[in-house]
PDB file of all heavy atoms in Angstrom:
ATOM      1  N   ASN A   1       5.879   3.233  -4.330  1.00  0.00           N
ATOM      2  CA  ASN A   1       5.902   1.905  -4.916  1.00  0.00           C
ATOM      3  C   ASN A   1       5.357   0.910  -3.899  1.00  0.00           C
ATOM      4  O   ASN A   1       5.493   1.111  -2.688  1.00  0.00           O
ATOM      5  CB  ASN A   1       7.323   1.500  -5.301  1.00  0.00           C
ATOM      6  CG  ASN A   1       7.843   2.290  -6.478  1.00  0.00           C
ATOM      7  OD1 ASN A   1       7.142   2.469  -7.465  1.00  0.00           O
ATOM      8  ND2 ASN A   1       9.070   2.775  -6.361  1.00  0.00           N
ATOM      9  N   ILE A   2       4.750  -0.170  -4.355  1.00  0.00           N
ATOM     10  CA  ILE A   2       4.244  -1.208  -3.452  1.00  0.00           C
ATOM     11  C   ILE A   2       5.262  -2.333  -3.435  1.00  0.00           C
ATOM     12  O   ILE A   2       5.602  -2.901  -4.479  1.00  0.00           O
ATOM     13  CB  ILE A   2       2.852  -1.714  -3.877  1.00  0.00           C
ATOM     14  CG1 ILE A   2       1.781  -0.646  -3.615  1.00  0.00           C
ATOM     15  CG2 ILE A   2       2.479  -2.954  -3.077  1.00  0.00           C
ATOM     16  CD1 ILE A   2       1.673   0.397  -4.644  1.00  0.00           C
ATOM     17  N   ALA A   3       5.765  -2.621  -2.251  1.00  0.00           N
ATOM     18  CA  ALA A   3       6.775  -3.665  -2.101  1.00  0.00           C
ATOM     19  C   ALA A   3       6.161  -5.030  -1.861  1.00  0.00           C
ATOM     20  O   ALA A   3       6.688  -6.047  -2.325  1.00  0.00           O
ATOM     21  CB  ALA A   3       7.718  -3.319  -0.948  1.00  0.00           C
ATOM     22  N   LEU A   4       5.029  -5.082  -1.130  1.00  0.00           N
ATOM     23  CA  LEU A   4       4.501  -6.376  -0.686  1.00  0.00           C
ATOM     24  C   LEU A   4       3.000  -6.312  -0.476  1.00  0.00           C
ATOM     25  O   LEU A   4       2.490  -5.341   0.102  1.00  0.00           O
ATOM     26  CB  LEU A   4       5.183  -6.783   0.630  1.00  0.00           C
ATOM     27  CG  LEU A   4       4.666  -8.028   1.343  1.00  0.00           C
ATOM     28  CD1 LEU A   4       4.986  -9.292   0.537  1.00  0.00           C
ATOM     29  CD2 LEU A   4       5.274  -8.123   2.747  1.00  0.00           C
ATOM     30  N   PHE A   5       2.306  -7.339  -0.951  1.00  0.00           N
ATOM     31  CA  PHE A   5       0.930  -7.605  -0.562  1.00  0.00           C
ATOM     32  C   PHE A   5       0.948  -8.776   0.398  1.00  0.00           C
ATOM     33  O   PHE A   5       1.472  -9.851   0.065  1.00  0.00           O
ATOM     34  CB  PHE A   5       0.060  -7.963  -1.774  1.00  0.00           C
ATOM     35  CG  PHE A   5      -0.212  -6.830  -2.709  1.00  0.00           C
ATOM     36  CD1 PHE A   5       0.533  -6.670  -3.870  1.00  0.00           C
ATOM     37  CD2 PHE A   5      -1.232  -5.918  -2.455  1.00  0.00           C
ATOM     38  CE1 PHE A   5       0.280  -5.630  -4.749  1.00  0.00           C
ATOM     39  CE2 PHE A   5      -1.496  -4.868  -3.321  1.00  0.00           C
ATOM     40  CZ  PHE A   5      -0.736  -4.727  -4.470  1.00  0.00           C
ATOM     41  N   ALA A   6       0.379  -8.599   1.598  1.00  0.00           N
ATOM     42  CA  ALA A   6       0.241  -9.681   2.573  1.00  0.00           C
ATOM     43  C   ALA A   6      -1.248  -9.864   2.829  1.00  0.00           C
ATOM     44  O   ALA A   6      -1.892  -8.991   3.418  1.00  0.00           O
ATOM     45  CB  ALA A   6       0.978  -9.344   3.861  1.00  0.00           C
ATOM     46  N   SER A   7      -1.803 -10.992   2.382  1.00  0.00           N
ATOM     47  CA  SER A   7      -3.251 -11.157   2.399  1.00  0.00           C
ATOM     48  C   SER A   7      -3.673 -12.418   3.129  1.00  0.00           C
ATOM     49  O   SER A   7      -2.981 -13.446   3.097  1.00  0.00           O
ATOM     50  CB  SER A   7      -3.789 -11.213   0.960  1.00  0.00           C
ATOM     51  OG  SER A   7      -5.186 -11.428   0.949  1.00  0.00           O
ATOM     52  N   ASP A   8      -4.823 -12.333   3.764  1.00  0.00           N
ATOM     53  CA  ASP A   8      -5.509 -13.498   4.293  1.00  0.00           C
ATOM     54  C   ASP A   8      -5.786 -14.474   3.146  1.00  0.00           C
ATOM     55  O   ASP A   8      -5.872 -14.077   1.983  1.00  0.00           O
ATOM     56  CB  ASP A   8      -6.823 -13.049   4.938  1.00  0.00           C
ATOM     57  CG  ASP A   8      -7.415 -14.088   5.883  1.00  0.00           C
ATOM     58  OD1 ASP A   8      -7.137 -15.283   5.688  1.00  0.00           O
ATOM     59  OD2 ASP A   8      -8.155 -13.695   6.802  1.00  0.00           O
ATOM     60  N   SER A   9      -5.951 -15.747   3.462  1.00  0.00           N
ATOM     61  CA  SER A   9      -6.204 -16.746   2.424  1.00  0.00           C
ATOM     62  C   SER A   9      -7.627 -16.680   1.885  1.00  0.00           C
ATOM     63  O   SER A   9      -7.919 -17.264   0.834  1.00  0.00           O
ATOM     64  CB  SER A   9      -5.927 -18.152   2.964  1.00  0.00           C
ATOM     65  OG  SER A   9      -6.719 -18.405   4.118  1.00  0.00           O
ATOM     66  N   ARG A  10      -8.526 -15.975   2.579  1.00  0.00           N
ATOM     67  CA  ARG A  10      -9.899 -15.847   2.115  1.00  0.00           C
ATOM     68  C   ARG A  10     -10.310 -14.379   2.183  1.00  0.00           C
ATOM     69  O   ARG A  10     -10.073 -13.707   3.190  1.00  0.00           O
ATOM     70  CB  ARG A  10     -10.851 -16.692   2.970  1.00  0.00           C
ATOM     71  CG  ARG A  10     -10.524 -18.183   2.938  1.00  0.00           C
ATOM     72  CD  ARG A  10     -11.520 -18.987   3.763  1.00  0.00           C
ATOM     73  NE  ARG A  10     -11.096 -20.379   3.890  1.00  0.00           N
ATOM     74  CZ  ARG A  10     -11.752 -21.305   4.575  1.00  0.00           C
ATOM     75  NH1 ARG A  10     -12.906 -20.992   5.181  1.00  0.00           N
ATOM     76  NH2 ARG A  10     -11.296 -22.537   4.653  1.00  0.00           N
ATOM     77  N   LEU A  11     -10.936 -13.910   1.106  1.00  0.00           N
ATOM     78  CA  LEU A  11     -11.403 -12.533   1.026  1.00  0.00           C
ATOM     79  C   LEU A  11     -12.897 -12.527   0.720  1.00  0.00           C
ATOM     80  O   LEU A  11     -13.403 -13.447   0.058  1.00  0.00           O
ATOM     81  CB  LEU A  11     -10.640 -11.771  -0.053  1.00  0.00           C
ATOM     82  CG  LEU A  11      -9.119 -11.647   0.146  1.00  0.00           C
ATOM     83  CD1 LEU A  11      -8.477 -10.956  -1.058  1.00  0.00           C
ATOM     84  CD2 LEU A  11      -8.791 -10.903   1.433  1.00  0.00           C
ATOM     85  N   PRO A  12     -13.615 -11.484   1.144  1.00  0.00           N
ATOM     86  CA  PRO A  12     -15.069 -11.499   0.978  1.00  0.00           C
ATOM     87  C   PRO A  12     -15.546 -11.247  -0.448  1.00  0.00           C
ATOM     88  O   PRO A  12     -16.663 -11.630  -0.800  1.00  0.00           O
ATOM     89  CB  PRO A  12     -15.529 -10.367   1.905  1.00  0.00           C
ATOM     90  CG  PRO A  12     -14.363  -9.450   2.010  1.00  0.00           C
ATOM     91  CD  PRO A  12     -13.158 -10.342   1.958  1.00  0.00           C
ATOM     92  N   ASP A  13     -14.716 -10.635  -1.286  1.00  0.00           N
ATOM     93  CA  ASP A  13     -15.204 -10.241  -2.610  1.00  0.00           C
ATOM     94  C   ASP A  13     -14.473 -10.886  -3.778  1.00  0.00           C
ATOM     95  O   ASP A  13     -14.787 -10.601  -4.933  1.00  0.00           O
ATOM     96  CB  ASP A  13     -15.133  -8.717  -2.750  1.00  0.00           C
ATOM     97  CG  ASP A  13     -13.714  -8.195  -2.629  1.00  0.00           C
ATOM     98  OD1 ASP A  13     -12.846  -8.915  -2.087  1.00  0.00           O
ATOM     99  OD2 ASP A  13     -13.465  -7.046  -3.055  1.00  0.00           O
ATOM    100  N   ALA A  14     -13.499 -11.737  -3.521  1.00  0.00           N
ATOM    101  CA  ALA A  14     -12.772 -12.380  -4.624  1.00  0.00           C
ATOM    102  C   ALA A  14     -11.981 -13.565  -4.092  1.00  0.00           C
ATOM    103  O   ALA A  14     -11.514 -13.548  -2.940  1.00  0.00           O
ATOM    104  CB  ALA A  14     -11.820 -11.387  -5.309  1.00  0.00           C
ATOM    105  N   ASP A  15     -11.836 -14.580  -4.928  1.00  0.00           N
ATOM    106  CA  ASP A  15     -10.921 -15.662  -4.617  1.00  0.00           C
ATOM    107  C   ASP A  15      -9.515 -15.075  -4.464  1.00  0.00           C
ATOM    108  O   ASP A  15      -9.131 -14.170  -5.222  1.00  0.00           O
ATOM    109  CB  ASP A  15     -10.954 -16.695  -5.737  1.00  0.00           C
ATOM    110  CG  ASP A  15      -9.971 -17.826  -5.513  1.00  0.00           C
ATOM    111  OD1 ASP A  15     -10.341 -18.794  -4.826  1.00  0.00           O
ATOM    112  OD2 ASP A  15      -8.834 -17.720  -6.024  1.00  0.00           O
ATOM    113  N   ILE A  16      -8.732 -15.574  -3.533  1.00  0.00           N
ATOM    114  CA  ILE A  16      -7.428 -14.978  -3.243  1.00  0.00           C
ATOM    115  C   ILE A  16      -6.509 -15.017  -4.469  1.00  0.00           C
ATOM    116  O   ILE A  16      -5.763 -14.070  -4.744  1.00  0.00           O
ATOM    117  CB  ILE A  16      -6.755 -15.663  -2.036  1.00  0.00           C
ATOM    118  CG1 ILE A  16      -5.400 -15.015  -1.730  1.00  0.00           C
ATOM    119  CG2 ILE A  16      -6.593 -17.152  -2.254  1.00  0.00           C
ATOM    120  CD1 ILE A  16      -5.449 -13.546  -1.448  1.00  0.00           C
ATOM    121  N   LEU A  17      -6.586 -16.090  -5.264  1.00  0.00           N
ATOM    122  CA  LEU A  17      -5.719 -16.168  -6.438  1.00  0.00           C
ATOM    123  C   LEU A  17      -6.150 -15.180  -7.509  1.00  0.00           C
ATOM    124  O   LEU A  17      -5.314 -14.630  -8.242  1.00  0.00           O
ATOM    125  CB  LEU A  17      -5.706 -17.589  -6.979  1.00  0.00           C
ATOM    126  CG  LEU A  17      -5.156 -18.657  -6.012  1.00  0.00           C
ATOM    127  CD1 LEU A  17      -5.189 -20.030  -6.653  1.00  0.00           C
ATOM    128  CD2 LEU A  17      -3.735 -18.309  -5.557  1.00  0.00           C
ATOM    129  N   VAL A  18      -7.441 -14.943  -7.623  1.00  0.00           N
ATOM    130  CA  VAL A  18      -7.937 -13.922  -8.542  1.00  0.00           C
ATOM    131  C   VAL A  18      -7.465 -12.538  -8.077  1.00  0.00           C
ATOM    132  O   VAL A  18      -7.062 -11.693  -8.876  1.00  0.00           O
ATOM    133  CB  VAL A  18      -9.465 -13.982  -8.648  1.00  0.00           C
ATOM    134  CG1 VAL A  18      -9.995 -12.854  -9.534  1.00  0.00           C
ATOM    135  CG2 VAL A  18      -9.899 -15.330  -9.197  1.00  0.00           C
ATOM    136  N   ALA A  19      -7.522 -12.329  -6.756  1.00  0.00           N
ATOM    137  CA  ALA A  19      -7.056 -11.052  -6.212  1.00  0.00           C
ATOM    138  C   ALA A  19      -5.571 -10.843  -6.497  1.00  0.00           C
ATOM    139  O   ALA A  19      -5.147  -9.760  -6.934  1.00  0.00           O
ATOM    140  CB  ALA A  19      -7.322 -11.002  -4.705  1.00  0.00           C
ATOM    141  N   PHE A  20      -4.771 -11.888  -6.278  1.00  0.00           N
ATOM    142  CA  PHE A  20      -3.344 -11.767  -6.557  1.00  0.00           C
ATOM    143  C   PHE A  20      -3.100 -11.465  -8.033  1.00  0.00           C
ATOM    144  O   PHE A  20      -2.194 -10.704  -8.387  1.00  0.00           O
ATOM    145  CB  PHE A  20      -2.610 -13.049  -6.168  1.00  0.00           C
ATOM    146  CG  PHE A  20      -2.199 -13.099  -4.720  1.00  0.00           C
ATOM    147  CD1 PHE A  20      -2.235 -14.286  -4.016  1.00  0.00           C
ATOM    148  CD2 PHE A  20      -1.762 -11.966  -4.060  1.00  0.00           C
ATOM    149  CE1 PHE A  20      -1.846 -14.349  -2.687  1.00  0.00           C
ATOM    150  CE2 PHE A  20      -1.368 -12.003  -2.727  1.00  0.00           C
ATOM    151  CZ  PHE A  20      -1.416 -13.211  -2.045  1.00  0.00           C
ATOM    152  N   SER A  21      -3.888 -12.079  -8.903  1.00  0.00           N
ATOM    153  CA  SER A  21      -3.737 -11.809 -10.334  1.00  0.00           C
ATOM    154  C   SER A  21      -3.992 -10.335 -10.639  1.00  0.00           C
ATOM    155  O   SER A  21      -3.264  -9.704 -11.415  1.00  0.00           O
ATOM    156  CB  SER A  21      -4.693 -12.693 -11.130  1.00  0.00           C
ATOM    157  OG  SER A  21      -4.583 -12.434 -12.517  1.00  0.00           O
ATOM    158  N   ALA A  22      -5.020  -9.770 -10.007  1.00  0.00           N
ATOM    159  CA  ALA A  22      -5.331  -8.350 -10.217  1.00  0.00           C
ATOM    160  C   ALA A  22      -4.226  -7.467  -9.663  1.00  0.00           C
ATOM    161  O   ALA A  22      -3.801  -6.496 -10.310  1.00  0.00           O
ATOM    162  CB  ALA A  22      -6.661  -8.009  -9.554  1.00  0.00           C
ATOM    163  N   TRP A  23      -3.746  -7.786  -8.479  1.00  0.00           N
ATOM    164  CA  TRP A  23      -2.682  -6.973  -7.881  1.00  0.00           C
ATOM    165  C   TRP A  23      -1.388  -7.095  -8.678  1.00  0.00           C
ATOM    166  O   TRP A  23      -0.639  -6.133  -8.828  1.00  0.00           O
ATOM    167  CB  TRP A  23      -2.461  -7.383  -6.433  1.00  0.00           C
ATOM    168  CG  TRP A  23      -3.696  -7.247  -5.575  1.00  0.00           C
ATOM    169  CD1 TRP A  23      -4.765  -6.421  -5.796  1.00  0.00           C
ATOM    170  CD2 TRP A  23      -3.996  -7.975  -4.386  1.00  0.00           C
ATOM    171  NE1 TRP A  23      -5.707  -6.575  -4.816  1.00  0.00           N
ATOM    172  CE2 TRP A  23      -5.268  -7.525  -3.919  1.00  0.00           C
ATOM    173  CE3 TRP A  23      -3.341  -8.953  -3.653  1.00  0.00           C
ATOM    174  CZ2 TRP A  23      -5.871  -8.022  -2.777  1.00  0.00           C
ATOM    175  CZ3 TRP A  23      -3.935  -9.454  -2.505  1.00  0.00           C
ATOM    176  CH2 TRP A  23      -5.191  -8.992  -2.075  1.00  0.00           C
ATOM    177  N   ARG A  24      -1.112  -8.306  -9.164  1.00  0.00           N
ATOM    178  CA  ARG A  24       0.091  -8.500  -9.960  1.00  0.00           C
ATOM    179  C   ARG A  24       0.028  -7.710 -11.258  1.00  0.00           C
ATOM    180  O   ARG A  24       1.034  -7.158 -11.729  1.00  0.00           O
ATOM    181  CB  ARG A  24       0.267  -9.992 -10.267  1.00  0.00           C
ATOM    182  CG  ARG A  24       1.474 -10.310 -11.125  1.00  0.00           C
ATOM    183  CD  ARG A  24       1.583 -11.804 -11.347  1.00  0.00           C
ATOM    184  NE  ARG A  24       2.788 -12.141 -12.076  1.00  0.00           N
ATOM    185  CZ  ARG A  24       3.241 -13.368 -12.234  1.00  0.00           C
ATOM    186  NH1 ARG A  24       2.589 -14.381 -11.689  1.00  0.00           N
ATOM    187  NH2 ARG A  24       4.330 -13.603 -12.932  1.00  0.00           N
ATOM    188  N   SER A  25      -1.148  -7.655 -11.853  1.00  0.00           N
ATOM    189  CA  SER A  25      -1.311  -6.872 -13.068  1.00  0.00           C
ATOM    190  C   SER A  25      -1.028  -5.401 -12.819  1.00  0.00           C
ATOM    191  O   SER A  25      -0.437  -4.709 -13.651  1.00  0.00           O
ATOM    192  CB  SER A  25      -2.735  -7.050 -13.608  1.00  0.00           C
ATOM    193  OG  SER A  25      -2.947  -6.250 -14.744  1.00  0.00           O
ATOM    194  N   ALA A  26      -1.421  -4.923 -11.642  1.00  0.00           N
ATOM    195  CA  ALA A  26      -1.208  -3.517 -11.307  1.00  0.00           C
ATOM    196  C   ALA A  26       0.227  -3.229 -10.912  1.00  0.00           C
ATOM    197  O   ALA A  26       0.798  -2.202 -11.282  1.00  0.00           O
ATOM    198  CB  ALA A  26      -2.154  -3.108 -10.176  1.00  0.00           C
ATOM    199  N   VAL A  27       0.814  -4.151 -10.137  1.00  0.00           N
ATOM    200  CA  VAL A  27       2.158  -3.918  -9.596  1.00  0.00           C
ATOM    201  C   VAL A  27       2.990  -5.183  -9.816  1.00  0.00           C
ATOM    202  O   VAL A  27       3.125  -6.014  -8.917  1.00  0.00           O
ATOM    203  CB  VAL A  27       2.101  -3.571  -8.091  1.00  0.00           C
ATOM    204  CG1 VAL A  27       3.440  -2.989  -7.638  1.00  0.00           C
ATOM    205  CG2 VAL A  27       0.983  -2.604  -7.789  1.00  0.00           C
TER     206      VAL A  27
END
């Protein structure tokens, strides 16, 4: 199980909020 995503505020391939939305959908 994934307990936590800890991410930089900027990512090279997606806006961070878009990334969180994708990760939230998965987990």
